[in-house]
Amino acid sequence: MLQLLQLKNDYAGDLSGGQKKLLSLGRVFMLKPDMILLDEPTAGVNPTLRVQLMEAIKRLQEMEKKAFFIIEHSMKVISDVCDKVFVLNYGKKIAEGTPEEIQQNEQVLEAYLGGA
């Protein structure tokens, strides 16, 4: 499911950063959690593994019916995997909605891009 089978004989310390994140995700799922919190899951991950990681998250959402709480600055990542988005600015919620709504939100644009 996580596309790591070919690495089954490798040491975890020898894996790339993205592969380690996939391995960590697999380890978390072994605990059968109700919700998974991911903090910047794609930070420092090369583009190819970023796609693989996000596909794995989507598969796990669908197959295991688990909720993910993702903290992420990449709107591309958020748009690909999130149904609902909450935007914080200095610890206060300034917006809530679908990824499409958030990308059009005036407060979000002002806070993160300095205006539309």
PDB file of N, CA and C in Angstrom:
ATOM      1  N   MET A   1       0.814  -1.200   0.000  1.00  0.00           N
ATOM      2  CA  MET A   1       0.000   0.000   0.000  1.00  0.00           C
ATOM      3  C   MET A   1       0.861   1.270   0.000  1.00  0.00           C
ATOM      4  N   LEU A   2       2.011   1.225   0.653  1.00  0.00           N
ATOM      5  CA  LEU A   2       2.871   2.406   0.748  1.00  0.00           C
ATOM      6  C   LEU A   2       4.020   2.388  -0.255  1.00  0.00           C
ATOM      7  N   GLN A   3       4.048   1.387  -1.105  1.00  0.00           N
ATOM      8  CA  GLN A   3       5.070   1.293  -2.153  1.00  0.00           C
ATOM      9  C   GLN A   3       6.479   1.152  -1.582  1.00  0.00           C
ATOM     10  N   LEU A   4       6.618   0.427  -0.477  1.00  0.00           N
ATOM     11  CA  LEU A   4       7.930   0.241   0.146  1.00  0.00           C
ATOM     12  C   LEU A   4       8.377  -1.219   0.138  1.00  0.00           C
ATOM     13  N   LEU A   5       7.600  -2.095  -0.460  1.00  0.00           N
ATOM     14  CA  LEU A   5       7.908  -3.522  -0.420  1.00  0.00           C
ATOM     15  C   LEU A   5       9.296  -3.834  -0.962  1.00  0.00           C
ATOM     16  N   GLN A   6       9.723  -3.139  -1.995  1.00  0.00           N
ATOM     17  CA  GLN A   6      11.039  -3.389  -2.589  1.00  0.00           C
ATOM     18  C   GLN A   6      12.178  -3.019  -1.650  1.00  0.00           C
ATOM     19  N   LEU A   7      11.875  -2.302  -0.575  1.00  0.00           N
ATOM     20  CA  LEU A   7      12.892  -1.865   0.386  1.00  0.00           C
ATOM     21  C   LEU A   7      12.832  -2.662   1.691  1.00  0.00           C
ATOM     22  N   LYS A   8      12.113  -3.773   1.686  1.00  0.00           N
ATOM     23  CA  LYS A   8      11.864  -4.512   2.932  1.00  0.00           C
ATOM     24  C   LYS A   8      13.130  -5.000   3.627  1.00  0.00           C
ATOM     25  N   ASN A   9      14.226  -5.162   2.919  1.00  0.00           N
ATOM     26  CA  ASN A   9      15.465  -5.635   3.531  1.00  0.00           C
ATOM     27  C   ASN A   9      16.430  -4.494   3.865  1.00  0.00           C
ATOM     28  N   ASP A  10      16.029  -3.266   3.577  1.00  0.00           N
ATOM     29  CA  ASP A  10      16.882  -2.105   3.864  1.00  0.00           C
ATOM     30  C   ASP A  10      16.662  -1.634   5.300  1.00  0.00           C
ATOM     31  N   TYR A  11      17.688  -1.047   5.873  1.00  0.00           N
ATOM     32  CA  TYR A  11      17.555  -0.429   7.184  1.00  0.00           C
ATOM     33  C   TYR A  11      16.796   0.880   7.043  1.00  0.00           C
ATOM     34  N   ALA A  12      15.968   1.198   8.032  1.00  0.00           N
ATOM     35  CA  ALA A  12      15.196   2.437   7.998  1.00  0.00           C
ATOM     36  C   ALA A  12      16.117   3.649   7.879  1.00  0.00           C
ATOM     37  N   GLY A  13      17.280   3.598   8.521  1.00  0.00           N
ATOM     38  CA  GLY A  13      18.218   4.703   8.471  1.00  0.00           C
ATOM     39  C   GLY A  13      18.805   4.947   7.087  1.00  0.00           C
ATOM     40  N   ASP A  14      18.704   3.951   6.202  1.00  0.00           N
ATOM     41  CA  ASP A  14      19.229   4.091   4.844  1.00  0.00           C
ATOM     42  C   ASP A  14      18.193   4.638   3.860  1.00  0.00           C
ATOM     43  N   LEU A  15      16.965   4.799   4.304  1.00  0.00           N
ATOM     44  CA  LEU A  15      15.906   5.281   3.416  1.00  0.00           C
ATOM     45  C   LEU A  15      16.017   6.791   3.225  1.00  0.00           C
ATOM     46  N   SER A  16      15.446   7.277   2.130  1.00  0.00           N
ATOM     47  CA  SER A  16      15.414   8.715   1.884  1.00  0.00           C
ATOM     48  C   SER A  16      14.410   9.350   2.848  1.00  0.00           C
ATOM     49  N   GLY A  17      14.417  10.671   2.912  1.00  0.00           N
ATOM     50  CA  GLY A  17      13.493  11.380   3.790  1.00  0.00           C
ATOM     51  C   GLY A  17      12.036  11.057   3.496  1.00  0.00           C
ATOM     52  N   GLY A  18      11.682  11.026   2.226  1.00  0.00           N
ATOM     53  CA  GLY A  18      10.304  10.710   1.840  1.00  0.00           C
ATOM     54  C   GLY A  18       9.929   9.275   2.159  1.00  0.00           C
ATOM     55  N   GLN A  19      10.879   8.356   1.943  1.00  0.00           N
ATOM     56  CA  GLN A  19      10.626   6.955   2.267  1.00  0.00           C
ATOM     57  C   GLN A  19      10.454   6.771   3.771  1.00  0.00           C
ATOM     58  N   LYS A  20      11.213   7.522   4.557  1.00  0.00           N
ATOM     59  CA  LYS A  20      11.064   7.463   6.019  1.00  0.00           C
ATOM     60  C   LYS A  20       9.689   7.960   6.443  1.00  0.00           C
ATOM     61  N   LYS A  21       9.183   8.986   5.760  1.00  0.00           N
ATOM     62  CA  LYS A  21       7.854   9.490   6.092  1.00  0.00           C
ATOM     63  C   LYS A  21       6.788   8.454   5.747  1.00  0.00           C
ATOM     64  N   LEU A  22       6.954   7.763   4.618  1.00  0.00           N
ATOM     65  CA  LEU A  22       6.026   6.685   4.263  1.00  0.00           C
ATOM     66  C   LEU A  22       6.085   5.568   5.298  1.00  0.00           C
ATOM     67  N   LEU A  23       7.286   5.204   5.711  1.00  0.00           N
ATOM     68  CA  LEU A  23       7.464   4.163   6.725  1.00  0.00           C
ATOM     69  C   LEU A  23       6.796   4.581   8.036  1.00  0.00           C
ATOM     70  N   SER A  24       6.973   5.835   8.431  1.00  0.00           N
ATOM     71  CA  SER A  24       6.341   6.338   9.655  1.00  0.00           C
ATOM     72  C   SER A  24       4.820   6.274   9.559  1.00  0.00           C
ATOM     73  N   LEU A  25       4.299   6.603   8.402  1.00  0.00           N
ATOM     74  CA  LEU A  25       2.853   6.533   8.187  1.00  0.00           C
ATOM     75  C   LEU A  25       2.372   5.093   8.358  1.00  0.00           C
ATOM     76  N   GLY A  26       3.113   4.150   7.806  1.00  0.00           N
ATOM     77  CA  GLY A  26       2.772   2.736   7.961  1.00  0.00           C
ATOM     78  C   GLY A  26       2.814   2.297   9.416  1.00  0.00           C
ATOM     79  N   ARG A  27       3.808   2.748  10.137  1.00  0.00           N
ATOM     80  CA  ARG A  27       3.931   2.409  11.559  1.00  0.00           C
ATOM     81  C   ARG A  27       2.761   2.966  12.358  1.00  0.00           C
ATOM     82  N   VAL A  28       2.331   4.168  12.025  1.00  0.00           N
ATOM     83  CA  VAL A  28       1.191   4.769  12.717  1.00  0.00           C
ATOM     84  C   VAL A  28      -0.065   3.934  12.467  1.00  0.00           C
ATOM     85  N   PHE A  29      -0.246   3.477  11.237  1.00  0.00           N
ATOM     86  CA  PHE A  29      -1.447   2.715  10.911  1.00  0.00           C
ATOM     87  C   PHE A  29      -1.482   1.353  11.588  1.00  0.00           C
ATOM     88  N   MET A  30      -0.337   0.843  11.962  1.00  0.00           N
ATOM     89  CA  MET A  30      -0.302  -0.423  12.690  1.00  0.00           C
ATOM     90  C   MET A  30      -0.971  -0.278  14.058  1.00  0.00           C
ATOM     91  N   LEU A  31      -1.053   0.935  14.582  1.00  0.00           N
ATOM     92  CA  LEU A  31      -1.684   1.200  15.871  1.00  0.00           C
ATOM     93  C   LEU A  31      -3.200   1.371  15.763  1.00  0.00           C
ATOM     94  N   LYS A  32      -3.710   1.397  14.537  1.00  0.00           N
ATOM     95  CA  LYS A  32      -5.134   1.566  14.253  1.00  0.00           C
ATOM     96  C   LYS A  32      -5.740   2.817  14.920  1.00  0.00           C
ATOM     97  N   PRO A  33      -5.174   3.982  14.657  1.00  0.00           N
ATOM     98  CA  PRO A  33      -5.702   5.214  15.261  1.00  0.00           C
ATOM     99  C   PRO A  33      -7.011   5.643  14.596  1.00  0.00           C
ATOM    100  N   ASP A  34      -7.778   6.445  15.306  1.00  0.00           N
ATOM    101  CA  ASP A  34      -8.997   7.016  14.733  1.00  0.00           C
ATOM    102  C   ASP A  34      -8.683   8.238  13.886  1.00  0.00           C
ATOM    103  N   MET A  35      -7.652   8.977  14.299  1.00  0.00           N
ATOM    104  CA  MET A  35      -7.243  10.186  13.583  1.00  0.00           C
ATOM    105  C   MET A  35      -5.724  10.233  13.528  1.00  0.00           C
ATOM    106  N   ILE A  36      -5.210  10.731  12.420  1.00  0.00           N
ATOM    107  CA  ILE A  36      -3.766  10.843  12.226  1.00  0.00           C
ATOM    108  C   ILE A  36      -3.436  12.322  12.042  1.00  0.00           C
ATOM    109  N   LEU A  37      -2.518  12.813  12.852  1.00  0.00           N
ATOM    110  CA  LEU A  37      -2.052  14.195  12.757  1.00  0.00           C
ATOM    111  C   LEU A  37      -0.736  14.202  11.995  1.00  0.00           C
ATOM    112  N   LEU A  38      -0.677  14.956  10.913  1.00  0.00           N
ATOM    113  CA  LEU A  38       0.542  15.079  10.112  1.00  0.00           C
ATOM    114  C   LEU A  38       0.962  16.539  10.082  1.00  0.00           C
ATOM    115  N   ASP A  39       2.167  16.801  10.523  1.00  0.00           N
ATOM    116  CA  ASP A  39       2.699  18.159  10.539  1.00  0.00           C
ATOM    117  C   ASP A  39       3.689  18.310   9.395  1.00  0.00           C
ATOM    118  N   GLU A  40       3.322  19.086   8.401  1.00  0.00           N
ATOM    119  CA  GLU A  40       4.156  19.328   7.215  1.00  0.00           C
ATOM    120  C   GLU A  40       4.666  18.009   6.612  1.00  0.00           C
ATOM    121  N   PRO A  41       3.762  17.106   6.215  1.00  0.00           N
ATOM    122  CA  PRO A  41       4.199  15.800   5.728  1.00  0.00           C
ATOM    123  C   PRO A  41       5.067  15.837   4.471  1.00  0.00           C
ATOM    124  N   THR A  42       4.979  16.904   3.685  1.00  0.00           N
ATOM    125  CA  THR A  42       5.760  16.941   2.452  1.00  0.00           C
ATOM    126  C   THR A  42       7.016  17.797   2.547  1.00  0.00           C
ATOM    127  N   ALA A  43       7.265  18.367   3.715  1.00  0.00           N
ATOM    128  CA  ALA A  43       8.452  19.220   3.879  1.00  0.00           C
ATOM    129  C   ALA A  43       9.721  18.411   3.665  1.00  0.00           C
ATOM    130  N   GLY A  44      10.584  18.907   2.798  1.00  0.00           N
ATOM    131  CA  GLY A  44      11.863  18.258   2.549  1.00  0.00           C
ATOM    132  C   GLY A  44      11.789  16.992   1.720  1.00  0.00           C
ATOM    133  N   VAL A  45      10.650  16.734   1.101  1.00  0.00           N
ATOM    134  CA  VAL A  45      10.470  15.519   0.310  1.00  0.00           C
ATOM    135  C   VAL A  45      10.558  15.875  -1.169  1.00  0.00           C
ATOM    136  N   ASN A  46      11.291  15.063  -1.931  1.00  0.00           N
ATOM    137  CA  ASN A  46      11.426  15.360  -3.357  1.00  0.00           C
ATOM    138  C   ASN A  46      10.071  15.216  -4.048  1.00  0.00           C
ATOM    139  N   PRO A  47       9.888  15.886  -5.190  1.00  0.00           N
ATOM    140  CA  PRO A  47       8.577  15.913  -5.843  1.00  0.00           C
ATOM    141  C   PRO A  47       7.995  14.537  -6.160  1.00  0.00           C
ATOM    142  N   THR A  48       8.813  13.590  -6.568  1.00  0.00           N
ATOM    143  CA  THR A  48       8.311  12.252  -6.899  1.00  0.00           C
ATOM    144  C   THR A  48       7.758  11.568  -5.654  1.00  0.00           C
ATOM    145  N   LEU A  49       8.514  11.600  -4.569  1.00  0.00           N
ATOM    146  CA  LEU A  49       8.042  10.978  -3.335  1.00  0.00           C
ATOM    147  C   LEU A  49       6.899  11.765  -2.703  1.00  0.00           C
ATOM    148  N   ARG A  50       6.846  13.062  -2.952  1.00  0.00           N
ATOM    149  CA  ARG A  50       5.736  13.876  -2.454  1.00  0.00           C
ATOM    150  C   ARG A  50       4.428  13.362  -3.041  1.00  0.00           C
ATOM    151  N   VAL A  51       4.428  13.100  -4.337  1.00  0.00           N
ATOM    152  CA  VAL A  51       3.237  12.561  -5.002  1.00  0.00           C
ATOM    153  C   VAL A  51       2.899  11.196  -4.412  1.00  0.00           C
ATOM    154  N   GLN A  52       3.892  10.354  -4.232  1.00  0.00           N
ATOM    155  CA  GLN A  52       3.685   9.017  -3.675  1.00  0.00           C
ATOM    156  C   GLN A  52       3.116   9.096  -2.257  1.00  0.00           C
ATOM    157  N   LEU A  53       3.626  10.006  -1.456  1.00  0.00           N
ATOM    158  CA  LEU A  53       3.153  10.180  -0.083  1.00  0.00           C
ATOM    159  C   LEU A  53       1.699  10.644  -0.069  1.00  0.00           C
ATOM    160  N   MET A  54       1.359  11.606  -0.900  1.00  0.00           N
ATOM    161  CA  MET A  54      -0.004  12.116  -0.926  1.00  0.00           C
ATOM    162  C   MET A  54      -0.973  11.059  -1.472  1.00  0.00           C
ATOM    163  N   GLU A  55      -0.533  10.258  -2.435  1.00  0.00           N
ATOM    164  CA  GLU A  55      -1.377   9.164  -2.932  1.00  0.00           C
ATOM    165  C   GLU A  55      -1.611   8.137  -1.838  1.00  0.00           C
ATOM    166  N   ALA A  56      -0.591   7.855  -1.045  1.00  0.00           N
ATOM    167  CA  ALA A  56      -0.733   6.911   0.062  1.00  0.00           C
ATOM    168  C   ALA A  56      -1.737   7.437   1.080  1.00  0.00           C
ATOM    169  N   ILE A  57      -1.675   8.719   1.385  1.00  0.00           N
ATOM    170  CA  ILE A  57      -2.625   9.313   2.331  1.00  0.00           C
ATOM    171  C   ILE A  57      -4.042   9.198   1.789  1.00  0.00           C
ATOM    172  N   LYS A  58      -4.227   9.489   0.513  1.00  0.00           N
ATOM    173  CA  LYS A  58      -5.562   9.382  -0.083  1.00  0.00           C
ATOM    174  C   LYS A  58      -6.077   7.945  -0.038  1.00  0.00           C
ATOM    175  N   ARG A  59      -5.198   6.980  -0.353  1.00  0.00           N
ATOM    176  CA  ARG A  59      -5.595   5.560  -0.302  1.00  0.00           C
ATOM    177  C   ARG A  59      -6.005   5.166   1.117  1.00  0.00           C
ATOM    178  N   LEU A  60      -5.226   5.603   2.097  1.00  0.00           N
ATOM    179  CA  LEU A  60      -5.528   5.265   3.482  1.00  0.00           C
ATOM    180  C   LEU A  60      -6.829   5.929   3.942  1.00  0.00           C
ATOM    181  N   GLN A  61      -7.077   7.139   3.481  1.00  0.00           N
ATOM    182  CA  GLN A  61      -8.349   7.808   3.801  1.00  0.00           C
ATOM    183  C   GLN A  61      -9.521   6.983   3.280  1.00  0.00           C
ATOM    184  N   GLU A  62      -9.398   6.535   2.040  1.00  0.00           N
ATOM    185  CA  GLU A  62     -10.495   5.816   1.394  1.00  0.00           C
ATOM    186  C   GLU A  62     -10.638   4.393   1.922  1.00  0.00           C
ATOM    187  N   MET A  63      -9.554   3.661   1.998  1.00  0.00           N
ATOM    188  CA  MET A  63      -9.610   2.254   2.373  1.00  0.00           C
ATOM    189  C   MET A  63      -9.840   2.043   3.868  1.00  0.00           C
ATOM    190  N   GLU A  64      -9.205   2.826   4.687  1.00  0.00           N
ATOM    191  CA  GLU A  64      -9.271   2.632   6.137  1.00  0.00           C
ATOM    192  C   GLU A  64     -10.286   3.541   6.808  1.00  0.00           C
ATOM    193  N   LYS A  65     -10.851   4.490   6.037  1.00  0.00           N
ATOM    194  CA  LYS A  65     -11.849   5.427   6.573  1.00  0.00           C
ATOM    195  C   LYS A  65     -11.328   6.159   7.806  1.00  0.00           C
ATOM    196  N   LYS A  66     -10.089   6.625   7.719  1.00  0.00           N
ATOM    197  CA  LYS A  66      -9.466   7.350   8.821  1.00  0.00           C
ATOM    198  C   LYS A  66      -9.468   8.846   8.537  1.00  0.00           C
ATOM    199  N   ALA A  67      -9.548   9.615   9.596  1.00  0.00           N
ATOM    200  CA  ALA A  67      -9.491  11.070   9.483  1.00  0.00           C
ATOM    201  C   ALA A  67      -8.043  11.523   9.605  1.00  0.00           C
ATOM    202  N   PHE A  68      -7.670  12.467   8.782  1.00  0.00           N
ATOM    203  CA  PHE A  68      -6.339  13.065   8.828  1.00  0.00           C
ATOM    204  C   PHE A  68      -6.487  14.528   9.209  1.00  0.00           C
ATOM    205  N   PHE A  69      -5.624  14.981  10.085  1.00  0.00           N
ATOM    206  CA  PHE A  69      -5.517  16.389  10.458  1.00  0.00           C
ATOM    207  C   PHE A  69      -4.137  16.802   9.980  1.00  0.00           C
ATOM    208  N   ILE A  70      -4.098  17.598   8.926  1.00  0.00           N
ATOM    209  CA  ILE A  70      -2.834  17.921   8.273  1.00  0.00           C
ATOM    210  C   ILE A  70      -2.504  19.398   8.444  1.00  0.00           C
ATOM    211  N   ILE A  71      -1.331  19.649   8.970  1.00  0.00           N
ATOM    212  CA  ILE A  71      -0.811  21.012   9.044  1.00  0.00           C
ATOM    213  C   ILE A  71       0.154  21.143   7.874  1.00  0.00           C
ATOM    214  N   GLU A  72      -0.135  22.052   6.968  1.00  0.00           N
ATOM    215  CA  GLU A  72       0.655  22.128   5.740  1.00  0.00           C
ATOM    216  C   GLU A  72       0.561  23.530   5.157  1.00  0.00           C
ATOM    217  N   HIS A  73       1.657  24.032   4.637  1.00  0.00           N
ATOM    218  CA  HIS A  73       1.669  25.345   3.998  1.00  0.00           C
ATOM    219  C   HIS A  73       1.442  25.274   2.497  1.00  0.00           C
ATOM    220  N   SER A  74       1.624  24.106   1.905  1.00  0.00           N
ATOM    221  CA  SER A  74       1.449  23.967   0.462  1.00  0.00           C
ATOM    222  C   SER A  74      -0.035  23.822   0.120  1.00  0.00           C
ATOM    223  N   MET A  75      -0.576  24.815  -0.556  1.00  0.00           N
ATOM    224  CA  MET A  75      -1.977  24.764  -0.952  1.00  0.00           C
ATOM    225  C   MET A  75      -2.219  23.637  -1.954  1.00  0.00           C
ATOM    226  N   LYS A  76      -1.216  23.286  -2.728  1.00  0.00           N
ATOM    227  CA  LYS A  76      -1.332  22.168  -3.674  1.00  0.00           C
ATOM    228  C   LYS A  76      -1.598  20.878  -2.907  1.00  0.00           C
ATOM    229  N   VAL A  77      -0.829  20.648  -1.853  1.00  0.00           N
ATOM    230  CA  VAL A  77      -1.008  19.444  -1.038  1.00  0.00           C
ATOM    231  C   VAL A  77      -2.398  19.463  -0.407  1.00  0.00           C
ATOM    232  N   ILE A  78      -2.760  20.576   0.186  1.00  0.00           N
ATOM    233  CA  ILE A  78      -4.062  20.704   0.844  1.00  0.00           C
ATOM    234  C   ILE A  78      -5.192  20.456  -0.146  1.00  0.00           C
ATOM    235  N   SER A  79      -5.109  21.051  -1.316  1.00  0.00           N
ATOM    236  CA  SER A  79      -6.161  20.898  -2.329  1.00  0.00           C
ATOM    237  C   SER A  79      -6.305  19.457  -2.779  1.00  0.00           C
ATOM    238  N   ASP A  80      -5.211  18.719  -2.793  1.00  0.00           N
ATOM    239  CA  ASP A  80      -5.238  17.334  -3.263  1.00  0.00           C
ATOM    240  C   ASP A  80      -5.876  16.368  -2.269  1.00  0.00           C
ATOM    241  N   VAL A  81      -5.780  16.648  -0.976  1.00  0.00           N
ATOM    242  CA  VAL A  81      -6.225  15.640  -0.001  1.00  0.00           C
ATOM    243  C   VAL A  81      -7.262  16.105   1.011  1.00  0.00           C
ATOM    244  N   CYS A  82      -7.541  17.386   1.090  1.00  0.00           N
ATOM    245  CA  CYS A  82      -8.426  17.867   2.144  1.00  0.00           C
ATOM    246  C   CYS A  82      -9.792  18.273   1.610  1.00  0.00           C
ATOM    247  N   ASP A  83     -10.821  17.898   2.364  1.00  0.00           N
ATOM    248  CA  ASP A  83     -12.184  18.320   2.039  1.00  0.00           C
ATOM    249  C   ASP A  83     -12.496  19.659   2.685  1.00  0.00           C
ATOM    250  N   LYS A  84     -11.957  19.857   3.886  1.00  0.00           N
ATOM    251  CA  LYS A  84     -12.212  21.075   4.646  1.00  0.00           C
ATOM    252  C   LYS A  84     -10.886  21.650   5.118  1.00  0.00           C
ATOM    253  N   VAL A  85     -10.770  22.970   5.056  1.00  0.00           N
ATOM    254  CA  VAL A  85      -9.529  23.652   5.411  1.00  0.00           C
ATOM    255  C   VAL A  85      -9.832  24.728   6.460  1.00  0.00           C
ATOM    256  N   PHE A  86      -8.963  24.800   7.444  1.00  0.00           N
ATOM    257  CA  PHE A  86      -9.014  25.866   8.442  1.00  0.00           C
ATOM    258  C   PHE A  86      -7.705  26.636   8.304  1.00  0.00           C
ATOM    259  N   VAL A  87      -7.788  27.950   8.269  1.00  0.00           N
ATOM    260  CA  VAL A  87      -6.590  28.775   8.131  1.00  0.00           C
ATOM    261  C   VAL A  87      -6.396  29.564   9.420  1.00  0.00           C
ATOM    262  N   LEU A  88      -5.185  29.463   9.959  1.00  0.00           N
ATOM    263  CA  LEU A  88      -4.830  30.206  11.159  1.00  0.00           C
ATOM    264  C   LEU A  88      -3.841  31.305  10.805  1.00  0.00           C
ATOM    265  N   ASN A  89      -3.959  32.416  11.492  1.00  0.00           N
ATOM    266  CA  ASN A  89      -3.007  33.507  11.360  1.00  0.00           C
ATOM    267  C   ASN A  89      -2.675  33.949  12.781  1.00  0.00           C
ATOM    268  N   TYR A  90      -1.429  33.758  13.186  1.00  0.00           N
ATOM    269  CA  TYR A  90      -1.001  34.063  14.554  1.00  0.00           C
ATOM    270  C   TYR A  90      -1.882  33.351  15.590  1.00  0.00           C
ATOM    271  N   GLY A  91      -2.210  32.079  15.285  1.00  0.00           N
ATOM    272  CA  GLY A  91      -2.954  31.261  16.237  1.00  0.00           C
ATOM    273  C   GLY A  91      -4.454  31.476  16.260  1.00  0.00           C
ATOM    274  N   LYS A  92      -4.963  32.358  15.432  1.00  0.00           N
ATOM    275  CA  LYS A  92      -6.408  32.608  15.396  1.00  0.00           C
ATOM    276  C   LYS A  92      -6.971  32.174  14.054  1.00  0.00           C
ATOM    277  N   LYS A  93      -8.121  31.500  14.099  1.00  0.00           N
ATOM    278  CA  LYS A  93      -8.773  31.052  12.863  1.00  0.00           C
ATOM    279  C   LYS A  93      -9.310  32.260  12.107  1.00  0.00           C
ATOM    280  N   ILE A  94      -8.887  32.376  10.851  1.00  0.00           N
ATOM    281  CA  ILE A  94      -9.378  33.485  10.019  1.00  0.00           C
ATOM    282  C   ILE A  94     -10.265  33.007   8.887  1.00  0.00           C
ATOM    283  N   ALA A  95     -10.256  31.687   8.620  1.00  0.00           N
ATOM    284  CA  ALA A  95     -11.092  31.186   7.530  1.00  0.00           C
ATOM    285  C   ALA A  95     -11.318  29.690   7.693  1.00  0.00           C
ATOM    286  N   GLU A  96     -12.420  29.250   7.101  1.00  0.00           N
ATOM    287  CA  GLU A  96     -12.796  27.845   7.109  1.00  0.00           C
ATOM    288  C   GLU A  96     -13.599  27.594   5.836  1.00  0.00           C
ATOM    289  N   GLY A  97     -13.318  26.495   5.155  1.00  0.00           N
ATOM    290  CA  GLY A  97     -14.072  26.177   3.952  1.00  0.00           C
ATOM    291  C   GLY A  97     -13.384  25.127   3.116  1.00  0.00           C
ATOM    292  N   THR A  98     -13.859  24.965   1.910  1.00  0.00           N
ATOM    293  CA  THR A  98     -13.234  24.023   0.974  1.00  0.00           C
ATOM    294  C   THR A  98     -11.915  24.639   0.496  1.00  0.00           C
ATOM    295  N   PRO A  99     -11.035  23.825  -0.069  1.00  0.00           N
ATOM    296  CA  PRO A  99      -9.796  24.402  -0.609  1.00  0.00           C
ATOM    297  C   PRO A  99     -10.057  25.523  -1.623  1.00  0.00           C
ATOM    298  N   GLU A 100     -11.090  25.351  -2.438  1.00  0.00           N
ATOM    299  CA  GLU A 100     -11.413  26.366  -3.439  1.00  0.00           C
ATOM    300  C   GLU A 100     -11.859  27.668  -2.781  1.00  0.00           C
ATOM    301  N   GLU A 101     -12.686  27.547  -1.744  1.00  0.00           N
ATOM    302  CA  GLU A 101     -13.152  28.742  -1.032  1.00  0.00           C
ATOM    303  C   GLU A 101     -11.990  29.459  -0.349  1.00  0.00           C
ATOM    304  N   ILE A 102     -11.099  28.691   0.232  1.00  0.00           N
ATOM    305  CA  ILE A 102      -9.960  29.275   0.947  1.00  0.00           C
ATOM    306  C   ILE A 102      -9.065  30.048  -0.014  1.00  0.00           C
ATOM    307  N   GLN A 103      -8.863  29.520  -1.204  1.00  0.00           N
ATOM    308  CA  GLN A 103      -7.999  30.184  -2.175  1.00  0.00           C
ATOM    309  C   GLN A 103      -8.583  31.511  -2.653  1.00  0.00           C
ATOM    310  N   GLN A 104      -9.879  31.711  -2.455  1.00  0.00           N
ATOM    311  CA  GLN A 104     -10.541  32.958  -2.867  1.00  0.00           C
ATOM    312  C   GLN A 104     -10.786  33.902  -1.688  1.00  0.00           C
ATOM    313  N   ASN A 105     -10.501  33.437  -0.482  1.00  0.00           N
ATOM    314  CA  ASN A 105     -10.832  34.199   0.719  1.00  0.00           C
ATOM    315  C   ASN A 105      -9.935  35.425   0.864  1.00  0.00           C
ATOM    316  N   GLU A 106     -10.578  36.595   1.008  1.00  0.00           N
ATOM    317  CA  GLU A 106      -9.851  37.870   1.100  1.00  0.00           C
ATOM    318  C   GLU A 106      -8.919  37.920   2.309  1.00  0.00           C
ATOM    319  N   GLN A 107      -9.385  37.449   3.465  1.00  0.00           N
ATOM    320  CA  GLN A 107      -8.546  37.477   4.679  1.00  0.00           C
ATOM    321  C   GLN A 107      -7.320  36.595   4.516  1.00  0.00           C
ATOM    322  N   VAL A 108      -7.484  35.460   3.888  1.00  0.00           N
ATOM    323  CA  VAL A 108      -6.356  34.548   3.668  1.00  0.00           C
ATOM    324  C   VAL A 108      -5.357  35.179   2.709  1.00  0.00           C
ATOM    325  N   LEU A 109      -5.857  35.737   1.641  1.00  0.00           N
ATOM    326  CA  LEU A 109      -4.982  36.382   0.658  1.00  0.00           C
ATOM    327  C   LEU A 109      -4.193  37.525   1.305  1.00  0.00           C
ATOM    328  N   GLU A 110      -4.874  38.296   2.111  1.00  0.00           N
ATOM    329  CA  GLU A 110      -4.219  39.421   2.782  1.00  0.00           C
ATOM    330  C   GLU A 110      -3.165  38.932   3.768  1.00  0.00           C
ATOM    331  N   ALA A 111      -3.512  37.924   4.573  1.00  0.00           N
ATOM    332  CA  ALA A 111      -2.594  37.431   5.603  1.00  0.00           C
ATOM    333  C   ALA A 111      -1.375  36.726   5.015  1.00  0.00           C
ATOM    334  N   TYR A 112      -1.557  35.993   3.933  1.00  0.00           N
ATOM    335  CA  TYR A 112      -0.459  35.176   3.430  1.00  0.00           C
ATOM    336  C   TYR A 112       0.200  35.701   2.166  1.00  0.00           C
ATOM    337  N   LEU A 113      -0.504  36.545   1.455  1.00  0.00           N
ATOM    338  CA  LEU A 113       0.070  37.054   0.200  1.00  0.00           C
ATOM    339  C   LEU A 113       0.141  38.568   0.169  1.00  0.00           C
ATOM    340  N   GLY A 114      -0.269  39.215   1.229  1.00  0.00           N
ATOM    341  CA  GLY A 114      -0.228  40.672   1.269  1.00  0.00           C
ATOM    342  C   GLY A 114      -1.312  41.325   0.437  1.00  0.00           C
ATOM    343  N   GLY A 115      -2.365  40.585   0.143  1.00  0.00           N
ATOM    344  CA  GLY A 115      -3.498  41.135  -0.615  1.00  0.00           C
ATOM    345  C   GLY A 115      -3.672  40.416  -1.930  1.00  0.00           C
ATOM    346  N   ALA A 116      -4.818  40.618  -2.535  1.00  0.00           N
ATOM    347  CA  ALA A 116      -5.169  39.929  -3.785  1.00  0.00           C
ATOM    348  C   ALA A 116      -4.539  40.624  -4.976  1.00  0.00           C
TER     349      ALA A 116
END
